[in-house]
N, C-alpha and C. Protein backbone atom coordinates (compact mmCIF):
# COMPACT_ATOMS: atom_id res chain seq x y z
N MET A 1 57.35 73.80 85.98
CA MET A 1 56.45 74.06 84.85
C MET A 1 56.54 75.54 84.48
N PRO A 2 56.76 75.84 83.19
CA PRO A 2 56.88 77.25 82.81
C PRO A 2 55.55 77.98 82.95
N ARG A 3 55.68 79.21 83.28
CA ARG A 3 54.48 80.04 83.41
C ARG A 3 53.89 80.34 82.04
N PRO A 4 52.57 80.41 81.94
CA PRO A 4 51.94 80.69 80.64
C PRO A 4 52.41 82.00 80.01
N VAL A 5 52.70 82.98 80.85
CA VAL A 5 53.15 84.27 80.32
C VAL A 5 54.48 84.10 79.60
N LEU A 6 55.38 83.29 80.17
CA LEU A 6 56.68 83.06 79.53
C LEU A 6 56.53 82.29 78.22
N VAL A 7 55.60 81.36 78.20
CA VAL A 7 55.37 80.59 76.97
C VAL A 7 54.85 81.50 75.87
N VAL A 8 53.90 82.36 76.19
CA VAL A 8 53.35 83.29 75.21
C VAL A 8 54.43 84.26 74.75
N ALA A 9 55.24 84.74 75.68
CA ALA A 9 56.31 85.67 75.32
C ALA A 9 57.32 84.98 74.40
N GLY A 10 57.65 83.73 74.69
CA GLY A 10 58.58 83.00 73.83
C GLY A 10 58.03 82.78 72.43
N CYS A 11 56.75 82.45 72.35
CA CYS A 11 56.11 82.27 71.03
C CYS A 11 56.10 83.59 70.26
N ALA A 12 55.79 84.68 70.93
CA ALA A 12 55.77 85.99 70.27
C ALA A 12 57.17 86.35 69.78
N TRP A 13 58.17 86.04 70.59
CA TRP A 13 59.57 86.33 70.22
C TRP A 13 59.96 85.55 68.96
N ALA A 14 59.63 84.27 68.93
CA ALA A 14 59.95 83.43 67.77
C ALA A 14 59.20 83.88 66.53
N PHE A 15 57.94 84.20 66.67
CA PHE A 15 57.13 84.64 65.55
C PHE A 15 57.66 85.94 64.97
N THR A 16 58.02 86.88 65.84
CA THR A 16 58.57 88.15 65.39
C THR A 16 59.89 87.94 64.65
N GLY A 17 60.72 87.06 65.17
CA GLY A 17 61.99 86.77 64.50
C GLY A 17 61.79 86.17 63.12
N ALA A 18 60.80 85.28 63.00
CA ALA A 18 60.52 84.67 61.70
C ALA A 18 60.04 85.72 60.70
N LEU A 19 59.18 86.62 61.15
CA LEU A 19 58.69 87.67 60.25
C LEU A 19 59.81 88.60 59.81
N LEU A 20 60.67 88.97 60.74
CA LEU A 20 61.80 89.84 60.39
C LEU A 20 62.75 89.15 59.42
N ARG A 21 62.97 87.86 59.60
CA ARG A 21 63.84 87.11 58.70
C ARG A 21 63.27 87.08 57.29
N LEU A 22 61.96 86.86 57.18
CA LEU A 22 61.33 86.86 55.85
C LEU A 22 61.44 88.23 55.19
N ARG A 23 61.26 89.27 55.97
CA ARG A 23 61.34 90.63 55.44
C ARG A 23 62.75 90.94 54.93
N VAL A 24 63.76 90.52 55.70
CA VAL A 24 65.14 90.76 55.29
C VAL A 24 65.48 89.98 54.03
N ARG A 25 65.04 88.74 53.94
CA ARG A 25 65.33 87.94 52.75
C ARG A 25 64.67 88.54 51.51
N ARG A 26 63.47 89.04 51.66
CA ARG A 26 62.78 89.68 50.53
C ARG A 26 63.56 90.92 50.08
N ARG A 27 64.04 91.70 51.06
CA ARG A 27 64.81 92.90 50.73
C ARG A 27 66.14 92.54 50.07
N GLN A 28 66.80 91.49 50.55
CA GLN A 28 68.06 91.06 49.94
C GLN A 28 67.83 90.62 48.51
N ARG A 29 66.73 89.94 48.26
CA ARG A 29 66.42 89.49 46.90
C ARG A 29 66.21 90.68 45.98
N GLU A 30 65.45 91.68 46.46
CA GLU A 30 65.22 92.88 45.66
C GLU A 30 66.53 93.58 45.33
N LEU A 31 67.41 93.69 46.32
CA LEU A 31 68.68 94.37 46.10
C LEU A 31 69.56 93.60 45.12
N SER A 32 69.58 92.28 45.23
CA SER A 32 70.43 91.50 44.32
C SER A 32 69.90 91.56 42.89
N LEU A 33 68.60 91.53 42.73
CA LEU A 33 68.03 91.63 41.39
C LEU A 33 68.27 93.02 40.80
N ALA A 34 68.18 94.04 41.63
CA ALA A 34 68.43 95.40 41.16
C ALA A 34 69.91 95.57 40.78
N ALA A 35 70.80 94.96 41.55
CA ALA A 35 72.22 95.07 41.26
C ALA A 35 72.58 94.34 39.96
N ALA A 36 71.91 93.23 39.70
CA ALA A 36 72.19 92.47 38.48
C ALA A 36 71.68 93.20 37.25
N GLY A 37 70.59 93.91 37.40
CA GLY A 37 70.04 94.68 36.28
C GLY A 37 69.49 93.80 35.18
N PRO A 38 69.37 94.36 33.98
CA PRO A 38 68.79 93.61 32.87
C PRO A 38 69.72 92.53 32.33
N ASP A 39 70.98 92.55 32.71
CA ASP A 39 71.93 91.55 32.22
C ASP A 39 71.85 90.24 33.00
N ARG A 40 70.93 90.16 33.93
CA ARG A 40 70.78 88.96 34.75
C ARG A 40 70.43 87.77 33.87
N PHE A 41 71.06 86.66 34.12
CA PHE A 41 70.80 85.44 33.36
C PHE A 41 69.40 84.96 33.69
N ALA A 42 68.61 84.74 32.66
CA ALA A 42 67.24 84.26 32.86
C ALA A 42 67.26 82.78 33.21
N LEU A 43 66.71 82.44 34.35
CA LEU A 43 66.67 81.05 34.76
C LEU A 43 65.52 80.34 34.08
N PRO A 44 65.72 79.10 33.67
CA PRO A 44 64.61 78.36 33.06
C PRO A 44 63.54 78.05 34.09
N ALA A 45 62.32 77.92 33.61
CA ALA A 45 61.22 77.57 34.50
C ALA A 45 61.42 76.15 35.01
N PRO A 46 61.14 75.91 36.28
CA PRO A 46 61.32 74.55 36.80
C PRO A 46 60.35 73.58 36.13
N SER A 47 60.87 72.42 35.77
CA SER A 47 60.00 71.43 35.13
C SER A 47 59.33 70.58 36.20
N ARG A 48 58.21 70.04 35.86
CA ARG A 48 57.47 69.22 36.80
C ARG A 48 57.76 67.74 36.60
N THR A 49 58.60 67.44 35.62
CA THR A 49 58.92 66.04 35.36
C THR A 49 60.17 65.66 36.12
N ARG A 50 60.30 64.39 36.43
CA ARG A 50 61.49 63.91 37.11
C ARG A 50 62.62 63.81 36.09
N THR A 51 63.79 64.19 36.50
CA THR A 51 64.92 64.12 35.57
C THR A 51 66.00 63.24 36.16
N GLY A 52 66.64 62.50 35.29
CA GLY A 52 67.78 61.70 35.69
C GLY A 52 67.40 60.46 36.49
N GLY A 53 68.25 59.48 36.43
CA GLY A 53 68.07 58.27 37.21
C GLY A 53 67.00 57.36 36.65
N ALA A 54 67.08 56.13 37.06
CA ALA A 54 66.08 55.15 36.63
C ALA A 54 64.97 55.11 37.66
N GLY A 55 63.78 54.89 37.19
CA GLY A 55 62.72 54.74 38.16
C GLY A 55 61.49 55.36 37.74
């Protein structure tokens, strides 16, 4: 049976990794948008209706 200290340490490790990953993705997004500049293609707003297919 794992010791509680190891379980807590593992959870803290995973949580920290998740936070760092989110931070890096946010920074990558900022850099890519800055690199594209004003010439970036404007994406259409996502629609809430179903598209395509029967049903």
